[in-house]
């Protein structure tokens, strides 16, 4: 189970910080990350971070967004700066874990980010 928060309305150039707390089947969490979807488009990767701190960003958010995580709290964050209207989307958090050789993926319910021009 994932609980995301921090979405909202912001003007161009503003900042928001998203948080996502994992609970329940959290044993063996490896990758935690953020994805987003806008109407009419496929869900796309925003940023992911492995337990060993390997990070991957979409080109469109590099140098503006920062992903971080607190493994002790099973929480992942996304600091979003210099927001643009094209960042408007529903943002979803996700984590994967490996239990008994089975890779599982868990998605949050999404939080809406709206950036006005």
N, C-alpha and C. Protein backbone atom coordinates (compact mmCIF):
# COMPACT_ATOMS: atom_id res chain seq x y z
N UNK A 1 0.85 -1.19 0.00
CA UNK A 1 0.00 0.00 0.00
C UNK A 1 0.89 1.24 0.00
N UNK A 2 0.46 2.24 -0.79
CA UNK A 2 1.23 3.47 -0.89
C UNK A 2 0.32 4.66 -0.69
N UNK A 3 0.76 5.62 0.07
CA UNK A 3 -0.01 6.83 0.32
C UNK A 3 0.82 8.02 -0.14
N UNK A 4 0.37 8.65 -1.23
CA UNK A 4 1.08 9.81 -1.77
C UNK A 4 0.41 11.09 -1.32
N UNK A 5 1.21 12.13 -1.16
CA UNK A 5 0.68 13.43 -0.77
C UNK A 5 1.60 14.52 -1.31
N UNK A 6 1.13 15.76 -1.24
CA UNK A 6 1.96 16.88 -1.63
C UNK A 6 1.58 17.55 -2.93
N UNK A 7 0.66 16.96 -3.68
CA UNK A 7 0.25 17.58 -4.92
C UNK A 7 -0.54 18.85 -4.65
N UNK A 8 -0.75 19.61 -5.71
CA UNK A 8 -1.50 20.84 -5.56
C UNK A 8 -1.37 21.73 -6.77
N UNK A 9 -1.73 23.00 -6.55
CA UNK A 9 -1.73 23.99 -7.62
C UNK A 9 -0.58 24.96 -7.38
N UNK A 10 0.19 25.23 -8.43
CA UNK A 10 1.32 26.13 -8.29
C UNK A 10 1.52 26.88 -9.60
N UNK A 11 2.08 28.07 -9.51
CA UNK A 11 2.36 28.83 -10.72
C UNK A 11 3.69 28.40 -11.34
N UNK A 12 3.84 28.72 -12.61
CA UNK A 12 5.09 28.42 -13.31
C UNK A 12 6.28 28.97 -12.53
N UNK A 13 7.28 28.12 -12.39
CA UNK A 13 8.47 28.51 -11.65
C UNK A 13 8.42 28.13 -10.18
N UNK A 14 7.28 27.70 -9.71
CA UNK A 14 7.12 27.33 -8.32
C UNK A 14 7.66 25.95 -8.00
N UNK A 15 7.46 25.56 -6.75
CA UNK A 15 7.97 24.28 -6.27
C UNK A 15 6.90 23.52 -5.50
N UNK A 16 7.03 22.23 -5.53
CA UNK A 16 6.21 21.33 -4.72
C UNK A 16 7.07 20.16 -4.29
N UNK A 17 6.70 19.55 -3.17
CA UNK A 17 7.39 18.36 -2.71
C UNK A 17 6.37 17.25 -2.49
N UNK A 18 6.54 16.18 -3.21
CA UNK A 18 5.67 15.02 -3.07
C UNK A 18 6.30 14.03 -2.11
N UNK A 19 5.43 13.34 -1.36
CA UNK A 19 5.88 12.30 -0.45
C UNK A 19 5.05 11.06 -0.68
N UNK A 20 5.64 9.92 -0.43
CA UNK A 20 4.91 8.67 -0.60
C UNK A 20 5.41 7.67 0.43
N UNK A 21 4.50 7.19 1.26
CA UNK A 21 4.84 6.24 2.32
C UNK A 21 4.32 4.86 1.96
N UNK A 22 5.20 3.89 2.02
CA UNK A 22 4.81 2.51 1.75
C UNK A 22 4.50 1.80 3.05
N UNK A 23 3.48 0.97 3.01
CA UNK A 23 3.12 0.19 4.18
C UNK A 23 2.63 -1.18 3.72
N UNK A 24 2.54 -2.09 4.66
CA UNK A 24 2.10 -3.43 4.30
C UNK A 24 3.26 -4.29 3.86
N UNK A 25 3.26 -4.71 2.62
CA UNK A 25 4.28 -5.62 2.10
C UNK A 25 5.53 -4.83 1.72
N UNK A 26 6.27 -4.40 2.73
CA UNK A 26 7.43 -3.55 2.48
C UNK A 26 8.75 -4.29 2.61
N UNK A 27 8.69 -5.60 2.90
CA UNK A 27 9.92 -6.36 3.02
C UNK A 27 10.64 -6.41 1.68
N UNK A 28 11.93 -6.14 1.70
CA UNK A 28 12.72 -6.29 0.48
C UNK A 28 12.50 -5.23 -0.58
N UNK A 29 12.04 -4.04 -0.16
CA UNK A 29 11.85 -2.96 -1.14
C UNK A 29 13.17 -2.64 -1.81
N UNK A 30 13.16 -2.57 -3.12
CA UNK A 30 14.36 -2.19 -3.87
C UNK A 30 14.16 -0.84 -4.52
N UNK A 31 13.45 -0.79 -5.61
CA UNK A 31 13.29 0.47 -6.34
C UNK A 31 12.03 1.20 -5.85
N UNK A 32 12.19 2.47 -5.60
CA UNK A 32 11.05 3.35 -5.34
C UNK A 32 11.11 4.47 -6.36
N UNK A 33 9.95 4.93 -6.78
CA UNK A 33 10.01 5.97 -7.80
C UNK A 33 8.70 6.66 -8.04
N UNK A 34 8.77 7.58 -8.99
CA UNK A 34 7.62 8.39 -9.35
C UNK A 34 7.38 8.31 -10.86
N UNK A 35 6.12 8.26 -11.22
CA UNK A 35 5.68 8.27 -12.60
C UNK A 35 4.58 9.32 -12.71
N UNK A 36 4.24 9.71 -13.93
CA UNK A 36 3.15 10.67 -14.10
C UNK A 36 2.39 10.36 -15.38
N UNK A 37 1.14 10.82 -15.39
CA UNK A 37 0.31 10.64 -16.57
C UNK A 37 -0.54 11.88 -16.79
N UNK A 38 -0.56 12.31 -18.04
CA UNK A 38 -1.44 13.40 -18.45
C UNK A 38 -2.51 12.81 -19.37
N UNK A 39 -3.66 13.46 -19.47
CA UNK A 39 -4.73 12.93 -20.32
C UNK A 39 -4.26 12.68 -21.75
N UNK A 40 -4.57 11.51 -22.24
CA UNK A 40 -4.24 11.17 -23.61
C UNK A 40 -2.84 10.64 -23.80
N UNK A 41 -2.09 10.53 -22.72
CA UNK A 41 -0.72 10.04 -22.84
C UNK A 41 -0.51 8.82 -21.96
N UNK A 42 0.51 8.08 -22.30
CA UNK A 42 0.89 6.94 -21.47
C UNK A 42 1.56 7.43 -20.19
N UNK A 43 1.47 6.60 -19.16
CA UNK A 43 2.18 6.93 -17.93
C UNK A 43 3.68 6.88 -18.22
N UNK A 44 4.41 7.88 -17.73
CA UNK A 44 5.83 7.95 -18.02
C UNK A 44 6.64 8.03 -16.73
N UNK A 45 7.85 7.53 -16.82
CA UNK A 45 8.76 7.58 -15.70
C UNK A 45 9.20 9.03 -15.44
N UNK A 46 9.23 9.39 -14.17
CA UNK A 46 9.78 10.69 -13.78
C UNK A 46 11.15 10.50 -13.14
N UNK A 47 11.19 9.66 -12.11
CA UNK A 47 12.46 9.41 -11.42
C UNK A 47 12.34 8.13 -10.60
N UNK A 48 13.41 7.38 -10.54
CA UNK A 48 13.47 6.20 -9.69
C UNK A 48 14.77 6.18 -8.91
N UNK A 49 14.74 5.48 -7.81
CA UNK A 49 15.92 5.39 -6.95
C UNK A 49 15.98 4.00 -6.34
N UNK A 50 17.11 3.34 -6.47
CA UNK A 50 17.26 2.02 -5.88
C UNK A 50 17.67 2.15 -4.41
N UNK A 51 17.63 1.02 -3.72
CA UNK A 51 18.02 1.02 -2.32
C UNK A 51 19.49 1.41 -2.15
N UNK A 52 20.27 1.15 -3.18
CA UNK A 52 21.69 1.51 -3.14
C UNK A 52 21.96 2.89 -3.72
N UNK A 53 20.89 3.69 -3.83
CA UNK A 53 20.99 5.10 -4.23
C UNK A 53 21.32 5.33 -5.71
N UNK A 54 21.07 4.34 -6.55
CA UNK A 54 21.21 4.57 -7.98
C UNK A 54 19.97 5.29 -8.47
N UNK A 55 20.14 6.42 -9.13
CA UNK A 55 19.03 7.29 -9.52
C UNK A 55 18.92 7.40 -11.03
N UNK A 56 17.68 7.47 -11.49
CA UNK A 56 17.40 7.66 -12.90
C UNK A 56 16.32 8.72 -13.03
N UNK A 57 16.56 9.70 -13.90
CA UNK A 57 15.60 10.77 -14.15
C UNK A 57 15.18 10.78 -15.61
N UNK A 58 13.95 11.18 -15.85
CA UNK A 58 13.54 11.49 -17.21
C UNK A 58 14.29 12.74 -17.64
N UNK A 59 14.64 12.81 -18.91
CA UNK A 59 15.38 13.97 -19.41
C UNK A 59 14.63 15.27 -19.15
N UNK A 60 13.32 15.21 -19.20
CA UNK A 60 12.51 16.42 -19.09
C UNK A 60 12.54 17.04 -17.69
N UNK A 61 12.99 16.27 -16.69
CA UNK A 61 12.97 16.79 -15.32
C UNK A 61 14.38 16.91 -14.72
N UNK A 62 15.37 16.47 -15.44
CA UNK A 62 16.74 16.57 -14.92
C UNK A 62 17.06 18.01 -14.58
N UNK A 63 17.78 18.20 -13.50
CA UNK A 63 18.22 19.51 -13.01
C UNK A 63 17.09 20.33 -12.42
N UNK A 64 15.86 19.80 -12.41
CA UNK A 64 14.75 20.51 -11.78
C UNK A 64 14.13 19.70 -10.64
N UNK A 65 14.08 18.38 -10.81
CA UNK A 65 13.48 17.51 -9.81
C UNK A 65 14.57 16.72 -9.09
N UNK A 66 14.32 16.43 -7.83
CA UNK A 66 15.24 15.62 -7.04
C UNK A 66 14.48 14.54 -6.29
N UNK A 67 14.87 13.31 -6.50
CA UNK A 67 14.26 12.20 -5.78
C UNK A 67 15.15 11.83 -4.60
N UNK A 68 14.51 11.46 -3.50
CA UNK A 68 15.24 10.99 -2.33
C UNK A 68 14.36 9.98 -1.61
N UNK A 69 14.95 9.26 -0.68
CA UNK A 69 14.17 8.28 0.06
C UNK A 69 14.74 8.10 1.45
N UNK A 70 13.87 7.66 2.32
CA UNK A 70 14.24 7.33 3.69
C UNK A 70 13.88 5.86 3.86
N UNK A 71 14.88 5.00 3.79
CA UNK A 71 14.62 3.56 3.83
C UNK A 71 14.02 3.13 5.17
N UNK A 72 14.43 3.79 6.24
CA UNK A 72 13.91 3.43 7.55
C UNK A 72 12.42 3.71 7.66
N UNK A 73 11.95 4.69 6.90
CA UNK A 73 10.53 5.06 6.94
C UNK A 73 9.77 4.56 5.71
N UNK A 74 10.46 3.82 4.83
CA UNK A 74 9.82 3.33 3.59
C UNK A 74 9.13 4.47 2.85
N UNK A 75 9.81 5.56 2.75
CA UNK A 75 9.24 6.77 2.16
C UNK A 75 10.12 7.27 1.02
N UNK A 76 9.48 7.72 -0.04
CA UNK A 76 10.18 8.32 -1.16
C UNK A 76 9.63 9.73 -1.36
N UNK A 77 10.51 10.64 -1.74
CA UNK A 77 10.15 12.03 -1.94
C UNK A 77 10.50 12.48 -3.35
N UNK A 78 9.81 13.51 -3.79
CA UNK A 78 10.16 14.13 -5.07
C UNK A 78 10.07 15.63 -4.88
N UNK A 79 11.22 16.28 -4.86
CA UNK A 79 11.27 17.74 -4.79
C UNK A 79 11.23 18.26 -6.22
N UNK A 80 10.22 19.06 -6.50
CA UNK A 80 10.03 19.57 -7.85
C UNK A 80 10.20 21.08 -7.84
N UNK A 81 11.21 21.56 -8.53
CA UNK A 81 11.49 22.99 -8.63
C UNK A 81 11.33 23.47 -10.07
N UNK A 82 11.24 24.78 -10.22
CA UNK A 82 11.12 25.37 -11.57
C UNK A 82 10.03 24.68 -12.38
N UNK A 83 8.89 24.51 -11.79
CA UNK A 83 7.80 23.78 -12.44
C UNK A 83 7.30 24.51 -13.66
N UNK A 84 6.91 23.70 -14.64
CA UNK A 84 6.41 24.21 -15.92
C UNK A 84 4.99 23.69 -16.14
N UNK A 85 4.21 24.37 -16.97
CA UNK A 85 2.85 23.86 -17.26
C UNK A 85 2.86 22.42 -17.77
N UNK A 86 3.88 22.04 -18.52
CA UNK A 86 3.94 20.67 -19.03
C UNK A 86 4.22 19.63 -17.96
N UNK A 87 4.51 20.06 -16.74
CA UNK A 87 4.65 19.13 -15.62
C UNK A 87 3.30 18.78 -15.01
N UNK A 88 2.25 19.46 -15.45
CA UNK A 88 0.91 19.16 -14.95
C UNK A 88 0.54 17.72 -15.27
N UNK A 89 0.19 16.97 -14.24
CA UNK A 89 -0.11 15.55 -14.41
C UNK A 89 -0.56 14.97 -13.08
N UNK A 90 -1.04 13.76 -13.13
CA UNK A 90 -1.23 12.97 -11.92
C UNK A 90 0.06 12.20 -11.69
N UNK A 91 0.62 12.36 -10.53
CA UNK A 91 1.88 11.72 -10.18
C UNK A 91 1.61 10.49 -9.31
N UNK A 92 2.23 9.39 -9.72
CA UNK A 92 2.06 8.12 -9.02
C UNK A 92 3.39 7.66 -8.45
N UNK A 93 3.35 7.16 -7.24
CA UNK A 93 4.54 6.54 -6.69
C UNK A 93 4.43 5.02 -6.86
N UNK A 94 5.58 4.41 -6.87
CA UNK A 94 5.64 2.97 -7.09
C UNK A 94 6.84 2.41 -6.35
N UNK A 95 6.70 1.17 -5.86
CA UNK A 95 7.88 0.47 -5.39
C UNK A 95 7.81 -0.99 -5.79
N UNK A 96 8.97 -1.58 -5.86
CA UNK A 96 9.06 -3.00 -6.15
C UNK A 96 9.80 -3.68 -5.02
N UNK A 97 9.42 -4.93 -4.77
CA UNK A 97 10.19 -5.74 -3.84
C UNK A 97 10.32 -7.15 -4.37
N UNK A 98 11.30 -7.84 -3.86
CA UNK A 98 11.58 -9.20 -4.29
C UNK A 98 11.38 -10.11 -3.08
N UNK A 99 10.37 -10.96 -3.17
CA UNK A 99 10.05 -11.85 -2.06
C UNK A 99 9.97 -13.27 -2.59
N UNK A 100 10.80 -14.16 -2.02
CA UNK A 100 10.82 -15.56 -2.45
C UNK A 100 11.01 -15.69 -3.96
N UNK A 101 11.85 -14.84 -4.51
CA UNK A 101 12.15 -14.91 -5.93
C UNK A 101 11.10 -14.28 -6.83
N UNK A 102 10.08 -13.69 -6.25
CA UNK A 102 9.02 -13.08 -7.05
C UNK A 102 9.13 -11.56 -6.93
N UNK A 103 9.18 -10.91 -8.09
CA UNK A 103 9.24 -9.45 -8.12
C UNK A 103 7.81 -8.91 -8.12
N UNK A 104 7.52 -8.09 -7.11
CA UNK A 104 6.20 -7.49 -6.98
C UNK A 104 6.28 -5.98 -7.19
N UNK A 105 5.23 -5.41 -7.74
CA UNK A 105 5.16 -3.96 -7.95
C UNK A 105 3.90 -3.42 -7.30
N UNK A 106 4.03 -2.29 -6.63
CA UNK A 106 2.92 -1.68 -5.92
C UNK A 106 2.82 -0.21 -6.35
N UNK A 107 1.60 0.22 -6.64
CA UNK A 107 1.36 1.59 -7.08
C UNK A 107 0.51 2.35 -6.07
N UNK A 108 0.80 3.64 -5.95
CA UNK A 108 -0.03 4.52 -5.15
C UNK A 108 -1.22 5.02 -5.95
N UNK A 109 -2.07 5.77 -5.28
CA UNK A 109 -3.33 6.20 -5.90
C UNK A 109 -3.18 7.44 -6.76
N UNK A 110 -2.06 8.11 -6.69
CA UNK A 110 -1.85 9.29 -7.52
C UNK A 110 -2.18 10.57 -6.79
N UNK A 111 -1.41 11.59 -7.09
CA UNK A 111 -1.67 12.92 -6.55
C UNK A 111 -1.53 13.93 -7.69
N UNK A 112 -2.48 14.85 -7.79
CA UNK A 112 -2.55 15.76 -8.92
C UNK A 112 -1.66 16.98 -8.70
N UNK A 113 -0.85 17.26 -9.70
CA UNK A 113 -0.03 18.47 -9.72
C UNK A 113 -0.50 19.32 -10.89
N UNK A 114 -0.85 20.57 -10.60
CA UNK A 114 -1.30 21.49 -11.64
C UNK A 114 -0.41 22.72 -11.62
N UNK A 115 0.20 23.01 -12.77
CA UNK A 115 1.08 24.16 -12.89
C UNK A 115 0.44 25.15 -13.86
N UNK A 116 0.13 26.34 -13.37
CA UNK A 116 -0.50 27.33 -14.23
C UNK A 116 0.54 28.16 -14.97
N UNK A 117 0.17 28.62 -16.15
CA UNK A 117 1.09 29.41 -16.96
C UNK A 117 0.96 30.88 -16.64
